[in-house]
Amino acid sequence: MDRLTAMRVFVEVATSGSFSATADKLEMSRAMVTRYVGEMEQWLQARLLQRTTRSVTLTDAGEQALRRCQQMLALVEDIEEETTATSEGELRGQLRLTCSVSFAYAQLGAAIADFLALHPQLKIDLDASEGSLNLVERRIDLAIRISSGPDPMLIARPLAHCDSVLVASPAYLAKHGMPHLPADLERHRCLSYANFGKSVWELSQGGRTERVAVSGHFSANEATTLLRAALAGAGIALQPTYLANPHIASGELQALLPGWELPVMAINALYTSRRHQSPAVRALLDFLVERFEGAPWSL
């Protein structure tokens, strides 16, 4: 029996709760999935799964086996796909990244595609999410984060600055009017972020800063959702220029309050350690630094 394959099959069945779904995902017959699970149980001399016509659940022995199998498969994957340079200098293996949904959509997806075109033997797995991930537990090689200051527990390499802009659709402005001063925002429908700056926006001009209490009927924890709402005429949105500028250029959105500045944040690549950093991580970091130098989306 190929025990590594059996472990992969068992882990997938335990995760999905379905023999049929596992067969589809691993491109093998359902009978073969059943055989591998049976051989795992015979090898370990324990029943790992409780099967009914409606569900597949883990036994106590199965829960213990699942943890061990996941650890062993992760170790095997690291050995098999350890990112090193070949004798010809070609990069191989797999990198795991994470970044926000909006930056992945607007910038990082295309950047990764161009990077992979230069290094076709590499594989990249991107977790686009808004939550904070434990890089060690999730085995993340690189996190691209936008913030006023990087996590002090991680090593940061600056990639670019992140400017923001207030935008609204022409239809919204035709109906509700154009704000001319920050205080005017208080009477508008503002689309706010659920996780930061939800009720107060800060604008500066000539050394003077104004904090404006804004209100609206729609908040979200993710920038592209608020962008779509602004495009639909739902209100005024505070958007990163890397996401909003193409829509401003096309006329779908209009930039508001020219001459007033919004806080600038930093886009950093974060990682856990400089020691034993793989050639592929270093190559990707250098590529991203060069690509995003000067924040080209702000021009």
Protein backbone atom coordinates (compact mmCIF):
# COMPACT_ATOMS: atom_id res chain seq x y z
CA MET A 1 0.00 0.00 0.00
CA ASP A 2 1.18 3.52 -0.80
CA ARG A 3 0.80 4.87 2.73
CA LEU A 4 1.36 8.49 1.72
CA THR A 5 -1.49 8.30 -0.77
CA ALA A 6 -3.63 6.51 1.80
CA MET A 7 -2.98 9.30 4.29
CA ARG A 8 -3.86 11.96 1.70
CA VAL A 9 -7.11 10.14 0.89
CA PHE A 10 -8.00 9.72 4.57
CA VAL A 11 -7.30 13.39 5.34
CA GLU A 12 -9.42 14.52 2.40
CA VAL A 13 -12.35 12.26 3.41
CA ALA A 14 -12.09 13.48 7.01
CA THR A 15 -12.02 17.11 5.85
CA SER A 16 -14.80 16.93 3.27
CA GLY A 17 -16.94 14.34 5.04
CA SER A 18 -17.60 12.66 1.71
CA PHE A 19 -16.12 9.69 -0.15
CA SER A 20 -17.64 10.89 -3.42
CA ALA A 21 -16.27 14.44 -3.08
CA THR A 22 -12.85 13.00 -2.27
CA ALA A 23 -12.98 10.77 -5.33
CA ASP A 24 -13.82 13.78 -7.53
CA LYS A 25 -11.13 15.99 -6.04
CA LEU A 26 -8.38 13.38 -6.17
CA GLU A 27 -9.54 12.06 -9.56
CA MET A 28 -9.92 8.44 -8.50
CA SER A 29 -12.85 6.08 -8.23
CA ARG A 30 -15.01 5.97 -5.13
CA ALA A 31 -14.07 2.32 -4.74
CA MET A 32 -10.40 3.25 -4.66
CA VAL A 33 -11.09 5.88 -1.99
CA THR A 34 -12.89 3.25 0.08
CA ARG A 35 -9.99 0.84 -0.40
CA TYR A 36 -7.38 3.36 0.75
CA VAL A 37 -9.39 4.24 3.85
CA GLY A 38 -9.86 0.54 4.60
CA GLU A 39 -6.15 -0.10 4.26
CA MET A 40 -5.42 2.83 6.58
CA GLU A 41 -7.71 1.28 9.20
CA GLN A 42 -6.09 -2.11 8.70
CA TRP A 43 -2.61 -0.58 8.99
CA LEU A 44 -3.48 1.26 12.22
CA GLN A 45 -5.72 -1.53 13.56
CA ALA A 46 -8.45 0.96 14.41
CA ARG A 47 -11.71 2.22 13.00
CA LEU A 48 -11.10 5.78 11.85
CA LEU A 49 -14.47 6.78 10.39
CA GLN A 50 -18.09 6.25 11.29
CA ARG A 51 -20.07 5.86 8.08
CA THR A 52 -23.81 6.25 7.65
CA THR A 53 -25.90 6.79 4.54
CA ARG A 54 -25.91 10.53 5.28
CA SER A 55 -22.61 11.38 6.93
CA VAL A 56 -19.00 10.47 7.56
CA THR A 57 -17.58 11.40 10.97
CA LEU A 58 -14.30 10.74 12.77
CA THR A 59 -13.95 8.31 15.63
CA ASP A 60 -11.67 9.18 18.56
CA ALA A 61 -8.91 7.16 16.90
CA GLY A 62 -9.67 8.94 13.63
CA GLU A 63 -9.23 12.37 15.22
CA GLN A 64 -5.82 11.38 16.55
CA ALA A 65 -4.82 9.85 13.23
CA LEU A 66 -5.99 12.94 11.34
CA ARG A 67 -3.70 15.25 13.32
CA ARG A 68 -0.71 12.96 12.82
CA CYS A 69 -1.41 12.46 9.13
CA GLN A 70 -1.69 16.21 8.57
CA GLN A 71 1.65 16.73 10.29
CA MET A 72 3.33 13.98 8.29
CA LEU A 73 1.90 15.19 4.96
CA ALA A 74 3.00 18.75 5.71
CA LEU A 75 6.52 17.49 6.38
CA VAL A 76 6.53 15.44 3.18
CA GLU A 77 5.27 18.44 1.20
CA ASP A 78 8.06 20.59 2.61
CA ILE A 79 10.62 17.97 1.62
CA GLU A 80 9.17 17.36 -1.84
CA GLU A 81 8.53 20.99 -2.69
CA GLU A 82 11.25 22.75 -0.74
CA THR A 83 11.88 25.86 -2.71
CA THR A 84 15.42 25.73 -4.01
CA ALA A 85 17.24 26.71 -7.17
CA THR A 86 18.06 24.01 -9.70
CA SER A 87 21.50 23.64 -11.18
CA GLU A 88 20.35 25.94 -14.01
CA GLY A 89 19.28 28.58 -11.47
CA GLU A 90 15.56 27.87 -11.96
CA LEU A 91 13.30 28.31 -8.94
CA ARG A 92 11.05 25.43 -7.90
CA GLY A 93 8.54 24.55 -5.22
CA GLN A 94 5.57 26.29 -3.65
CA LEU A 95 5.08 29.61 -1.90
CA ARG A 96 2.15 30.51 0.33
CA LEU A 97 1.03 34.14 0.44
CA THR A 98 -1.74 36.12 2.05
CA CYS A 99 -3.07 39.63 1.42
CA SER A 100 -6.31 41.59 1.45
CA VAL A 101 -9.01 40.80 -1.09
CA SER A 102 -8.85 44.27 -2.63
CA PHE A 103 -5.08 44.31 -3.13
CA ALA A 104 -5.15 40.77 -4.51
CA TYR A 105 -7.85 41.77 -6.98
CA ALA A 106 -6.38 45.10 -8.04
CA GLN A 107 -2.63 44.49 -7.98
CA LEU A 108 -1.21 41.27 -6.60
CA GLY A 109 -3.01 38.81 -8.88
CA ALA A 110 -1.48 40.31 -12.00
CA ALA A 111 1.91 40.66 -10.30
CA ILE A 112 1.92 36.97 -9.35
CA ALA A 113 0.98 36.00 -12.91
CA ASP A 114 3.95 37.96 -14.27
CA PHE A 115 6.28 36.52 -11.63
CA LEU A 116 5.21 32.95 -12.42
CA ALA A 117 5.79 33.61 -16.12
CA LEU A 118 9.43 34.24 -15.19
CA HIS A 119 9.59 31.14 -12.96
CA PRO A 120 7.29 28.48 -14.46
CA GLN A 121 8.43 25.73 -12.06
CA LEU A 122 7.12 27.63 -9.04
CA LYS A 123 3.65 27.31 -7.57
CA ILE A 124 1.94 30.00 -5.49
CA ASP A 125 -1.02 29.57 -3.16
CA LEU A 126 -2.67 32.90 -2.23
CA ASP A 127 -5.03 33.30 0.71
CA ALA A 128 -6.94 36.51 0.03
CA SER A 129 -8.61 37.44 3.29
CA GLU A 130 -9.19 40.37 5.64
CA GLY A 131 -8.47 38.56 8.88
CA SER A 132 -5.11 38.32 10.60
CA LEU A 133 -3.48 34.93 10.03
CA ASN A 134 -0.85 33.20 12.11
CA LEU A 135 1.96 32.87 9.58
CA VAL A 136 3.65 30.01 11.40
CA GLU A 137 0.52 27.92 11.97
CA ARG A 138 -0.72 28.49 8.41
CA ARG A 139 2.77 28.00 6.96
CA ILE A 140 2.59 31.37 5.18
CA ASP A 141 5.83 32.48 3.52
CA LEU A 142 4.83 36.07 2.91
CA ALA A 143 1.99 38.34 4.05
CA ILE A 144 1.22 41.57 2.17
CA ARG A 145 -0.44 43.91 4.63
CA ILE A 146 -1.63 47.54 4.50
CA SER A 147 -1.46 49.38 7.80
CA SER A 148 -0.22 52.46 9.60
CA GLY A 149 2.50 50.31 11.17
CA PRO A 150 3.65 46.71 10.66
CA ASP A 151 3.35 43.97 13.26
CA PRO A 152 6.45 44.37 15.49
CA MET A 153 6.66 40.58 15.87
CA LEU A 154 7.29 40.17 12.14
CA ILE A 155 9.98 41.38 9.77
CA ALA A 156 8.69 43.99 7.33
CA ARG A 157 9.99 44.99 3.92
CA PRO A 158 8.28 48.12 2.55
CA LEU A 159 6.75 47.73 -0.91
CA ALA A 160 4.92 51.02 -1.47
CA HIS A 161 2.70 53.63 0.14
CA CYS A 162 -1.07 53.39 0.03
CA ASP A 163 -2.93 56.63 -0.76
CA SER A 164 -6.66 56.93 -0.35
CA VAL A 165 -9.32 59.00 -2.07
CA LEU A 166 -12.97 59.85 -1.47
CA VAL A 167 -15.15 58.86 -4.43
CA ALA A 168 -18.77 58.79 -5.51
CA SER A 169 -20.60 58.03 -8.72
CA PRO A 170 -21.86 60.85 -10.96
CA ALA A 171 -25.41 59.58 -10.37
CA TYR A 172 -25.06 59.90 -6.61
CA LEU A 173 -23.58 63.40 -6.88
CA ALA A 174 -26.30 64.53 -9.27
CA LYS A 175 -28.91 63.47 -6.72
CA HIS A 176 -27.25 64.54 -3.46
CA GLY A 177 -24.85 67.30 -4.47
CA MET A 178 -21.10 67.77 -4.34
CA PRO A 179 -19.31 68.15 -0.99
CA HIS A 180 -16.96 71.16 -1.00
CA LEU A 181 -15.62 70.95 2.56
CA PRO A 182 -15.00 68.02 4.91
CA ALA A 183 -17.89 69.15 7.11
CA ASP A 184 -20.23 68.63 4.13
CA LEU A 185 -19.65 64.87 4.44
CA GLU A 186 -21.78 64.81 7.57
CA ARG A 187 -24.95 65.26 5.51
CA HIS A 188 -24.03 62.60 2.93
CA ARG A 189 -24.52 58.85 2.82
CA CYS A 190 -21.03 57.52 3.49
CA LEU A 191 -19.93 53.94 2.92
CA SER A 192 -17.71 52.98 5.81
CA TYR A 193 -15.36 50.23 6.86
CA ALA A 194 -16.58 47.90 9.58
CA ASN A 195 -13.10 47.26 10.98
CA PHE A 196 -11.53 50.73 10.99
CA GLY A 197 -12.51 54.37 10.53
CA LYS A 198 -16.17 53.40 10.60
CA SER A 199 -17.57 56.64 11.96
CA VAL A 200 -14.73 59.18 11.72
CA TRP A 201 -12.76 60.22 8.63
CA GLU A 202 -9.64 62.36 8.96
CA LEU A 203 -8.68 64.91 6.30
CA SER A 204 -5.77 67.35 6.26
CA GLN A 205 -4.89 70.53 4.37
CA GLY A 206 -2.10 73.06 4.95
CA GLY A 207 -1.18 71.60 8.32
CA ARG A 208 -4.80 71.65 9.52
CA THR A 209 -6.57 68.37 10.24
CA GLU A 210 -10.32 67.89 10.43
CA ARG A 211 -12.01 64.82 11.85
CA VAL A 212 -15.47 64.32 10.39
CA ALA A 213 -18.16 62.13 11.89
CA VAL A 214 -19.77 60.31 8.97
CA SER A 215 -22.89 58.21 8.82
CA GLY A 216 -24.50 55.92 6.34
CA HIS A 217 -26.60 52.84 5.93
CA PHE A 218 -23.91 50.47 4.65
CA SER A 219 -20.59 49.33 6.09
CA ALA A 220 -18.39 46.42 5.10
CA ASN A 221 -15.05 44.94 6.12
CA GLU A 222 -13.67 44.83 2.58
CA ALA A 223 -12.81 47.57 0.08
CA THR A 224 -14.04 46.01 -3.17
CA THR A 225 -17.52 45.58 -1.69
CA LEU A 226 -17.66 49.29 -0.83
CA LEU A 227 -16.27 50.11 -4.28
CA ARG A 228 -19.10 48.22 -5.96
CA ALA A 229 -21.61 50.00 -3.74
CA ALA A 230 -20.14 53.39 -4.70
CA LEU A 231 -20.29 52.47 -8.38
CA ALA A 232 -23.96 51.59 -7.86
CA GLY A 233 -24.64 55.07 -6.47
CA ALA A 234 -25.02 54.07 -2.82
CA GLY A 235 -22.87 56.87 -1.41
CA ILE A 236 -19.39 58.26 -0.84
CA ALA A 237 -16.61 55.75 -0.23
CA LEU A 238 -13.08 56.08 1.11
CA GLN A 239 -11.02 53.94 -1.27
CA PRO A 240 -7.36 53.03 -1.82
CA THR A 241 -6.12 54.62 -5.03
CA TYR A 242 -4.78 51.26 -6.23
CA LEU A 243 -8.42 50.16 -6.46
CA ALA A 244 -10.28 53.37 -7.31
CA ASN A 245 -8.06 55.10 -9.87
CA PRO A 246 -9.11 53.05 -12.92
CA HIS A 247 -12.75 53.89 -12.20
CA ILE A 248 -11.90 57.57 -11.73
CA ALA A 249 -10.04 57.56 -15.05
CA SER A 250 -13.03 55.96 -16.80
CA GLY A 251 -15.49 58.48 -15.33
CA GLU A 252 -17.44 55.84 -13.40
CA LEU A 253 -16.38 57.52 -10.16
CA GLN A 254 -15.44 61.08 -9.32
CA ALA A 255 -12.72 62.03 -6.82
CA LEU A 256 -13.96 64.43 -4.14
CA LEU A 257 -12.50 67.24 -2.03
CA PRO A 258 -9.38 67.92 -4.11
CA GLY A 259 -6.64 69.54 -2.04
CA TRP A 260 -7.61 67.64 1.07
CA GLU A 261 -5.38 64.69 2.02
CA LEU A 262 -6.33 61.43 3.68
CA PRO A 263 -3.96 59.44 5.91
CA VAL A 264 -1.31 57.51 4.00
CA MET A 265 -0.66 53.91 5.00
CA ALA A 266 2.19 51.57 4.15
CA ILE A 267 2.12 48.39 2.11
CA ASN A 268 4.58 45.93 3.65
CA ALA A 269 5.67 42.40 2.92
CA LEU A 270 5.82 40.59 6.26
CA TYR A 271 7.64 37.36 7.09
CA THR A 272 8.75 35.52 10.19
CA SER A 273 12.52 35.27 9.85
CA ARG A 274 15.45 36.28 7.68
CA ARG A 275 17.22 33.02 8.46
CA HIS A 276 16.88 30.21 5.94
CA GLN A 277 14.76 32.37 3.66
CA SER A 278 14.29 30.47 0.41
CA PRO A 279 15.60 31.78 -2.92
CA ALA A 280 12.02 31.97 -4.21
CA VAL A 281 10.85 34.19 -1.34
CA ARG A 282 13.81 36.50 -1.87
CA ALA A 283 13.15 36.58 -5.62
CA LEU A 284 9.47 37.38 -5.10
CA LEU A 285 10.27 40.11 -2.59
CA ASP A 286 12.72 41.75 -4.99
CA PHE A 287 10.18 41.46 -7.81
CA LEU A 288 7.40 43.09 -5.78
CA VAL A 289 9.65 45.89 -4.53
CA GLU A 290 10.63 46.76 -8.10
CA ARG A 291 7.08 46.41 -9.46
CA PHE A 292 5.43 48.57 -6.81
CA GLU A 293 8.21 51.14 -6.45
CA GLY A 294 6.72 54.61 -6.19
CA ALA A 295 3.16 53.19 -5.95
CA PRO A 296 2.49 53.35 -9.72
CA TRP A 297 -1.29 53.26 -9.16
CA SER A 298 -1.06 56.70 -7.54
CA LEU A 299 0.38 58.41 -10.63
